[in-house]
Amino acid sequence: MIKSMTGFGRAEEITDDYKLSVEIKSVNHRYLDLNIKMPRRFFPFEAEIRNIIKKYVSRGKVDLFINYLDFKDKASG
């Protein structure tokens, strides 16, 4: 079975309270090089996020982007 290290995926969830979007892209690389860009509010979950990705990816340059927009914060401000 051929497995490619090049890929792209995007998911988005919108509720009345927030909008969450996650984007992941990968390219060929000899070792696993994982870069995560996310809001500060998600920093406590970084180790868990890394472990989840490592379950599925063993090598390649992987960029993960997490964006979060809290609609309640804008309404109160």
PDB file of N, CA and C in Angstrom:
ATOM      1  N   MET A   1       0.840  -1.185   0.000  1.00  0.00           N
ATOM      2  CA  MET A   1       0.000   0.000   0.000  1.00  0.00           C
ATOM      3  C   MET A   1       0.883   1.246   0.000  1.00  0.00           C
ATOM      4  N   ILE A   2       0.613   2.163  -0.885  1.00  0.00           N
ATOM      5  CA  ILE A   2       1.346   3.425  -0.957  1.00  0.00           C
ATOM      6  C   ILE A   2       0.681   4.433  -0.025  1.00  0.00           C
ATOM      7  N   LYS A   3       1.520   5.080   0.776  1.00  0.00           N
ATOM      8  CA  LYS A   3       1.015   6.130   1.662  1.00  0.00           C
ATOM      9  C   LYS A   3       1.763   7.416   1.348  1.00  0.00           C
ATOM     10  N   SER A   4       1.040   8.460   1.105  1.00  0.00           N
ATOM     11  CA  SER A   4       1.636   9.748   0.768  1.00  0.00           C
ATOM     12  C   SER A   4       1.793  10.603   2.014  1.00  0.00           C
ATOM     13  N   MET A   5       2.879  11.372   2.059  1.00  0.00           N
ATOM     14  CA  MET A   5       3.071  12.313   3.155  1.00  0.00           C
ATOM     15  C   MET A   5       2.584  13.703   2.784  1.00  0.00           C
ATOM     16  N   THR A   6       2.124  13.875   1.576  1.00  0.00           N
ATOM     17  CA  THR A   6       1.627  15.170   1.148  1.00  0.00           C
ATOM     18  C   THR A   6       0.110  15.171   1.241  1.00  0.00           C
ATOM     19  N   GLY A   7      -0.424  16.130   1.982  1.00  0.00           N
ATOM     20  CA  GLY A   7      -1.874  16.184   2.114  1.00  0.00           C
ATOM     21  C   GLY A   7      -2.335  17.493   2.725  1.00  0.00           C
ATOM     22  N   PHE A   8      -3.649  17.673   2.685  1.00  0.00           N
ATOM     23  CA  PHE A   8      -4.259  18.886   3.211  1.00  0.00           C
ATOM     24  C   PHE A   8      -5.662  18.541   3.685  1.00  0.00           C
ATOM     25  N   GLY A   9      -6.053  19.115   4.809  1.00  0.00           N
ATOM     26  CA  GLY A   9      -7.414  18.922   5.299  1.00  0.00           C
ATOM     27  C   GLY A   9      -7.869  20.143   6.072  1.00  0.00           C
ATOM     28  N   ARG A  10      -9.171  20.380   6.057  1.00  0.00           N
ATOM     29  CA  ARG A  10      -9.738  21.529   6.768  1.00  0.00           C
ATOM     30  C   ARG A  10     -11.104  21.135   7.291  1.00  0.00           C
ATOM     31  N   ALA A  11     -11.372  21.546   8.527  1.00  0.00           N
ATOM     32  CA  ALA A  11     -12.683  21.305   9.130  1.00  0.00           C
ATOM     33  C   ALA A  11     -13.100  22.566   9.868  1.00  0.00           C
ATOM     34  N   GLU A  12     -14.402  22.781   9.935  1.00  0.00           N
ATOM     35  CA  GLU A  12     -14.925  23.984  10.584  1.00  0.00           C
ATOM     36  C   GLU A  12     -16.221  23.636  11.303  1.00  0.00           C
ATOM     37  N   GLU A  13     -16.356  24.193  12.491  1.00  0.00           N
ATOM     38  CA  GLU A  13     -17.603  24.042  13.244  1.00  0.00           C
ATOM     39  C   GLU A  13     -18.072  25.431  13.663  1.00  0.00           C
ATOM     40  N   ILE A  14     -19.330  25.723  13.400  1.00  0.00           N
ATOM     41  CA  ILE A  14     -19.903  27.013  13.773  1.00  0.00           C
ATOM     42  C   ILE A  14     -21.139  26.745  14.619  1.00  0.00           C
ATOM     43  N   THR A  15     -21.165  27.374  15.800  1.00  0.00           N
ATOM     44  CA  THR A  15     -22.334  27.296  16.672  1.00  0.00           C
ATOM     45  C   THR A  15     -22.795  28.718  16.964  1.00  0.00           C
ATOM     46  N   ASP A  16     -23.794  28.856  17.803  1.00  0.00           N
ATOM     47  CA  ASP A  16     -24.232  30.193  18.214  1.00  0.00           C
ATOM     48  C   ASP A  16     -23.173  30.892  19.061  1.00  0.00           C
ATOM     49  N   ASP A  17     -22.287  30.109  19.698  1.00  0.00           N
ATOM     50  CA  ASP A  17     -21.308  30.657  20.631  1.00  0.00           C
ATOM     51  C   ASP A  17     -19.914  30.872  20.046  1.00  0.00           C
ATOM     52  N   TYR A  18     -19.533  30.055  19.067  1.00  0.00           N
ATOM     53  CA  TYR A  18     -18.160  30.135  18.561  1.00  0.00           C
ATOM     54  C   TYR A  18     -18.041  29.597  17.139  1.00  0.00           C
ATOM     55  N   LYS A  19     -16.877  29.899  16.549  1.00  0.00           N
ATOM     56  CA  LYS A  19     -16.487  29.322  15.260  1.00  0.00           C
ATOM     57  C   LYS A  19     -15.088  28.735  15.446  1.00  0.00           C
ATOM     58  N   LEU A  20     -14.945  27.459  15.167  1.00  0.00           N
ATOM     59  CA  LEU A  20     -13.671  26.761  15.307  1.00  0.00           C
ATOM     60  C   LEU A  20     -13.282  26.203  13.947  1.00  0.00           C
ATOM     61  N   SER A  21     -12.081  26.528  13.490  1.00  0.00           N
ATOM     62  CA  SER A  21     -11.591  25.953  12.238  1.00  0.00           C
ATOM     63  C   SER A  21     -10.205  25.361  12.474  1.00  0.00           C
ATOM     64  N   VAL A  22      -9.992  24.204  11.884  1.00  0.00           N
ATOM     65  CA  VAL A  22      -8.727  23.488  12.014  1.00  0.00           C
ATOM     66  C   VAL A  22      -8.256  23.132  10.611  1.00  0.00           C
ATOM     67  N   GLU A  23      -6.996  23.434  10.351  1.00  0.00           N
ATOM     68  CA  GLU A  23      -6.411  23.155   9.041  1.00  0.00           C
ATOM     69  C   GLU A  23      -5.103  22.412   9.260  1.00  0.00           C
ATOM     70  N   ILE A  24      -4.886  21.353   8.503  1.00  0.00           N
ATOM     71  CA  ILE A  24      -3.642  20.595   8.614  1.00  0.00           C
ATOM     72  C   ILE A  24      -3.085  20.371   7.218  1.00  0.00           C
ATOM     73  N   LYS A  25      -1.775  20.519   7.092  1.00  0.00           N
ATOM     74  CA  LYS A  25      -1.138  20.238   5.809  1.00  0.00           C
ATOM     75  C   LYS A  25       0.198  19.561   6.075  1.00  0.00           C
ATOM     76  N   SER A  26       0.580  18.694   5.168  1.00  0.00           N
ATOM     77  CA  SER A  26       1.828  17.960   5.350  1.00  0.00           C
ATOM     78  C   SER A  26       2.554  17.817   4.015  1.00  0.00           C
ATOM     79  N   VAL A  27       3.865  17.771   4.109  1.00  0.00           N
ATOM     80  CA  VAL A  27       4.721  17.521   2.953  1.00  0.00           C
ATOM     81  C   VAL A  27       5.796  16.522   3.372  1.00  0.00           C
ATOM     82  N   ASN A  28       6.470  15.963   2.382  1.00  0.00           N
ATOM     83  CA  ASN A  28       7.496  14.962   2.627  1.00  0.00           C
ATOM     84  C   ASN A  28       8.640  15.541   3.464  1.00  0.00           C
ATOM     85  N   HIS A  29       9.093  14.771   4.437  1.00  0.00           N
ATOM     86  CA  HIS A  29      10.221  15.156   5.281  1.00  0.00           C
ATOM     87  C   HIS A  29      10.759  13.877   5.900  1.00  0.00           C
ATOM     88  N   ARG A  30      12.043  13.825   6.129  1.00  0.00           N
ATOM     89  CA  ARG A  30      12.658  12.593   6.641  1.00  0.00           C
ATOM     90  C   ARG A  30      12.162  12.222   8.032  1.00  0.00           C
ATOM     91  N   TYR A  31      11.972  13.207   8.890  1.00  0.00           N
ATOM     92  CA  TYR A  31      11.517  12.982  10.263  1.00  0.00           C
ATOM     93  C   TYR A  31      10.200  13.714  10.474  1.00  0.00           C
ATOM     94  N   LEU A  32       9.607  13.524  11.627  1.00  0.00           N
ATOM     95  CA  LEU A  32       8.383  14.258  11.945  1.00  0.00           C
ATOM     96  C   LEU A  32       8.753  15.654  12.433  1.00  0.00           C
ATOM     97  N   ASP A  33       8.270  16.647  11.749  1.00  0.00           N
ATOM     98  CA  ASP A  33       8.464  18.053  12.113  1.00  0.00           C
ATOM     99  C   ASP A  33       7.068  18.651  12.239  1.00  0.00           C
ATOM    100  N   LEU A  34       6.599  18.768  13.472  1.00  0.00           N
ATOM    101  CA  LEU A  34       5.225  19.186  13.742  1.00  0.00           C
ATOM    102  C   LEU A  34       5.200  20.615  14.263  1.00  0.00           C
ATOM    103  N   ASN A  35       4.496  21.488  13.559  1.00  0.00           N
ATOM    104  CA  ASN A  35       4.351  22.889  13.951  1.00  0.00           C
ATOM    105  C   ASN A  35       2.876  23.179  14.173  1.00  0.00           C
ATOM    106  N   ILE A  36       2.575  23.763  15.337  1.00  0.00           N
ATOM    107  CA  ILE A  36       1.185  24.054  15.679  1.00  0.00           C
ATOM    108  C   ILE A  36       1.039  25.549  15.937  1.00  0.00           C
ATOM    109  N   LYS A  37       0.097  26.158  15.259  1.00  0.00           N
ATOM    110  CA  LYS A  37      -0.255  27.564  15.480  1.00  0.00           C
ATOM    111  C   LYS A  37      -1.681  27.585  16.008  1.00  0.00           C
ATOM    112  N   MET A  38      -1.858  28.145  17.204  1.00  0.00           N
ATOM    113  CA  MET A  38      -3.180  28.143  17.824  1.00  0.00           C
ATOM    114  C   MET A  38      -3.300  29.288  18.815  1.00  0.00           C
ATOM    115  N   PRO A  39      -4.521  29.657  19.171  1.00  0.00           N
ATOM    116  CA  PRO A  39      -4.733  30.707  20.164  1.00  0.00           C
ATOM    117  C   PRO A  39      -4.226  30.267  21.543  1.00  0.00           C
ATOM    118  N   ARG A  40      -3.885  31.233  22.354  1.00  0.00           N
ATOM    119  CA  ARG A  40      -3.370  30.951  23.698  1.00  0.00           C
ATOM    120  C   ARG A  40      -4.307  30.091  24.535  1.00  0.00           C
ATOM    121  N   ARG A  41      -5.586  30.240  24.346  1.00  0.00           N
ATOM    122  CA  ARG A  41      -6.544  29.491  25.162  1.00  0.00           C
ATOM    123  C   ARG A  41      -6.419  27.984  24.943  1.00  0.00           C
ATOM    124  N   PHE A  42      -5.763  27.558  23.852  1.00  0.00           N
ATOM    125  CA  PHE A  42      -5.580  26.138  23.570  1.00  0.00           C
ATOM    126  C   PHE A  42      -4.209  25.610  23.993  1.00  0.00           C
ATOM    127  N   PHE A  43      -3.329  26.472  24.492  1.00  0.00           N
ATOM    128  CA  PHE A  43      -1.992  26.044  24.908  1.00  0.00           C
ATOM    129  C   PHE A  43      -2.011  24.879  25.900  1.00  0.00           C
ATOM    130  N   PRO A  44      -2.931  24.842  26.870  1.00  0.00           N
ATOM    131  CA  PRO A  44      -2.936  23.701  27.805  1.00  0.00           C
ATOM    132  C   PRO A  44      -3.178  22.348  27.124  1.00  0.00           C
ATOM    133  N   PHE A  45      -3.688  22.355  25.909  1.00  0.00           N
ATOM    134  CA  PHE A  45      -3.998  21.115  25.192  1.00  0.00           C
ATOM    135  C   PHE A  45      -2.923  20.725  24.178  1.00  0.00           C
ATOM    136  N   GLU A  46      -1.841  21.502  24.106  1.00  0.00           N
ATOM    137  CA  GLU A  46      -0.840  21.266  23.064  1.00  0.00           C
ATOM    138  C   GLU A  46      -0.235  19.866  23.132  1.00  0.00           C
ATOM    139  N   ALA A  47       0.135  19.397  24.304  1.00  0.00           N
ATOM    140  CA  ALA A  47       0.737  18.062  24.426  1.00  0.00           C
ATOM    141  C   ALA A  47      -0.233  16.981  23.961  1.00  0.00           C
ATOM    142  N   GLU A  48      -1.490  17.120  24.327  1.00  0.00           N
ATOM    143  CA  GLU A  48      -2.499  16.145  23.916  1.00  0.00           C
ATOM    144  C   GLU A  48      -2.707  16.167  22.396  1.00  0.00           C
ATOM    145  N   ILE A  49      -2.723  17.360  21.819  1.00  0.00           N
ATOM    146  CA  ILE A  49      -2.873  17.495  20.367  1.00  0.00           C
ATOM    147  C   ILE A  49      -1.696  16.837  19.653  1.00  0.00           C
ATOM    148  N   ARG A  50      -0.477  17.096  20.154  1.00  0.00           N
ATOM    149  CA  ARG A  50       0.720  16.489  19.558  1.00  0.00           C
ATOM    150  C   ARG A  50       0.653  14.959  19.618  1.00  0.00           C
ATOM    151  N   ASN A  51       0.231  14.425  20.754  1.00  0.00           N
ATOM    152  CA  ASN A  51       0.143  12.970  20.899  1.00  0.00           C
ATOM    153  C   ASN A  51      -0.879  12.369  19.945  1.00  0.00           C
ATOM    154  N   ILE A  52      -1.991  13.049  19.746  1.00  0.00           N
ATOM    155  CA  ILE A  52      -3.010  12.556  18.810  1.00  0.00           C
ATOM    156  C   ILE A  52      -2.445  12.506  17.392  1.00  0.00           C
ATOM    157  N   ILE A  53      -1.752  13.566  16.988  1.00  0.00           N
ATOM    158  CA  ILE A  53      -1.188  13.600  15.637  1.00  0.00           C
ATOM    159  C   ILE A  53      -0.118  12.521  15.475  1.00  0.00           C
ATOM    160  N   LYS A  54       0.712  12.329  16.511  1.00  0.00           N
ATOM    161  CA  LYS A  54       1.779  11.319  16.435  1.00  0.00           C
ATOM    162  C   LYS A  54       1.231   9.896  16.318  1.00  0.00           C
ATOM    163  N   LYS A  55       0.003   9.672  16.736  1.00  0.00           N
ATOM    164  CA  LYS A  55      -0.610   8.348  16.571  1.00  0.00           C
ATOM    165  C   LYS A  55      -0.816   8.019  15.097  1.00  0.00           C
ATOM    166  N   TYR A  56      -1.043   9.047  14.286  1.00  0.00           N
ATOM    167  CA  TYR A  56      -1.392   8.859  12.884  1.00  0.00           C
ATOM    168  C   TYR A  56      -0.284   9.227  11.908  1.00  0.00           C
ATOM    169  N   VAL A  57       0.698  10.012  12.358  1.00  0.00           N
ATOM    170  CA  VAL A  57       1.748  10.501  11.462  1.00  0.00           C
ATOM    171  C   VAL A  57       3.105  10.174  12.074  1.00  0.00           C
ATOM    172  N   SER A  58       3.964   9.508  11.309  1.00  0.00           N
ATOM    173  CA  SER A  58       5.276   9.152  11.846  1.00  0.00           C
ATOM    174  C   SER A  58       6.406   9.984  11.246  1.00  0.00           C
ATOM    175  N   ARG A  59       6.177  10.556  10.065  1.00  0.00           N
ATOM    176  CA  ARG A  59       7.189  11.428   9.475  1.00  0.00           C
ATOM    177  C   ARG A  59       6.526  12.410   8.528  1.00  0.00           C
ATOM    178  N   GLY A  60       7.285  13.451   8.193  1.00  0.00           N
ATOM    179  CA  GLY A  60       6.775  14.505   7.329  1.00  0.00           C
ATOM    180  C   GLY A  60       6.769  15.831   8.063  1.00  0.00           C
ATOM    181  N   LYS A  61       6.683  16.909   7.309  1.00  0.00           N
ATOM    182  CA  LYS A  61       6.556  18.243   7.900  1.00  0.00           C
ATOM    183  C   LYS A  61       5.065  18.539   7.963  1.00  0.00           C
ATOM    184  N   VAL A  62       4.560  18.677   9.178  1.00  0.00           N
ATOM    185  CA  VAL A  62       3.128  18.852   9.401  1.00  0.00           C
ATOM    186  C   VAL A  62       2.881  20.216  10.036  1.00  0.00           C
ATOM    187  N   ASP A  63       2.000  20.991   9.427  1.00  0.00           N
ATOM    188  CA  ASP A  63       1.585  22.281   9.977  1.00  0.00           C
ATOM    189  C   ASP A  63       0.119  22.178  10.352  1.00  0.00           C
ATOM    190  N   LEU A  64      -0.187  22.535  11.600  1.00  0.00           N
ATOM    191  CA  LEU A  64      -1.561  22.514  12.094  1.00  0.00           C
ATOM    192  C   LEU A  64      -1.931  23.928  12.516  1.00  0.00           C
ATOM    193  N   PHE A  65      -3.038  24.418  11.999  1.00  0.00           N
ATOM    194  CA  PHE A  65      -3.519  25.759  12.318  1.00  0.00           C
ATOM    195  C   PHE A  65      -4.893  25.633  12.963  1.00  0.00           C
ATOM    196  N   ILE A  66      -5.034  26.209  14.146  1.00  0.00           N
ATOM    197  CA  ILE A  66      -6.318  26.212  14.845  1.00  0.00           C
ATOM    198  C   ILE A  66      -6.737  27.662  15.023  1.00  0.00           C
ATOM    199  N   ASN A  67      -7.936  27.990  14.574  1.00  0.00           N
ATOM    200  CA  ASN A  67      -8.496  29.332  14.744  1.00  0.00           C
ATOM    201  C   ASN A  67      -9.793  29.220  15.518  1.00  0.00           C
ATOM    202  N   TYR A  68      -9.981  30.136  16.459  1.00  0.00           N
ATOM    203  CA  TYR A  68     -11.161  30.105  17.312  1.00  0.00           C
ATOM    204  C   TYR A  68     -11.704  31.520  17.455  1.00  0.00           C
ATOM    205  N   LEU A  69     -12.972  31.673  17.178  1.00  0.00           N
ATOM    206  CA  LEU A  69     -13.638  32.962  17.330  1.00  0.00           C
ATOM    207  C   LEU A  69     -14.797  32.766  18.295  1.00  0.00           C
ATOM    208  N   ASP A  70     -14.731  33.446  19.434  1.00  0.00           N
ATOM    209  CA  ASP A  70     -15.769  33.334  20.464  1.00  0.00           C
ATOM    210  C   ASP A  70     -16.759  34.472  20.264  1.00  0.00           C
ATOM    211  N   PHE A  71     -17.961  34.141  19.833  1.00  0.00           N
ATOM    212  CA  PHE A  71     -18.975  35.165  19.581  1.00  0.00           C
ATOM    213  C   PHE A  71     -19.438  35.831  20.872  1.00  0.00           C
ATOM    214  N   LYS A  72     -19.380  35.123  21.995  1.00  0.00           N
ATOM    215  CA  LYS A  72     -19.801  35.693  23.278  1.00  0.00           C
ATOM    216  C   LYS A  72     -18.850  36.798  23.720  1.00  0.00           C
ATOM    217  N   ASP A  73     -17.548  36.650  23.431  1.00  0.00           N
ATOM    218  CA  ASP A  73     -16.580  37.692  23.782  1.00  0.00           C
ATOM    219  C   ASP A  73     -16.887  38.989  23.051  1.00  0.00           C
ATOM    220  N   LYS A  74     -17.253  38.910  21.785  1.00  0.00           N
ATOM    221  CA  LYS A  74     -17.570  40.116  21.004  1.00  0.00           C
ATOM    222  C   LYS A  74     -18.857  40.770  21.493  1.00  0.00           C
ATOM    223  N   ALA A  75     -19.827  39.970  21.886  1.00  0.00           N
ATOM    224  CA  ALA A  75     -21.116  40.509  22.337  1.00  0.00           C
ATOM    225  C   ALA A  75     -20.976  41.254  23.658  1.00  0.00           C
ATOM    226  N   SER A  76     -20.071  40.783  24.525  1.00  0.00           N
ATOM    227  CA  SER A  76     -19.922  41.427  25.830  1.00  0.00           C
ATOM    228  C   SER A  76     -19.000  42.632  25.761  1.00  0.00           C
ATOM    229  N   GLY A  77     -18.221  42.759  24.690  1.00  0.00           N
ATOM    230  CA  GLY A  77     -17.236  43.824  24.581  1.00  0.00           C
ATOM    231  C   GLY A  77     -17.778  44.977  23.910  1.00  0.00           C
TER     232      GLY A  77
END
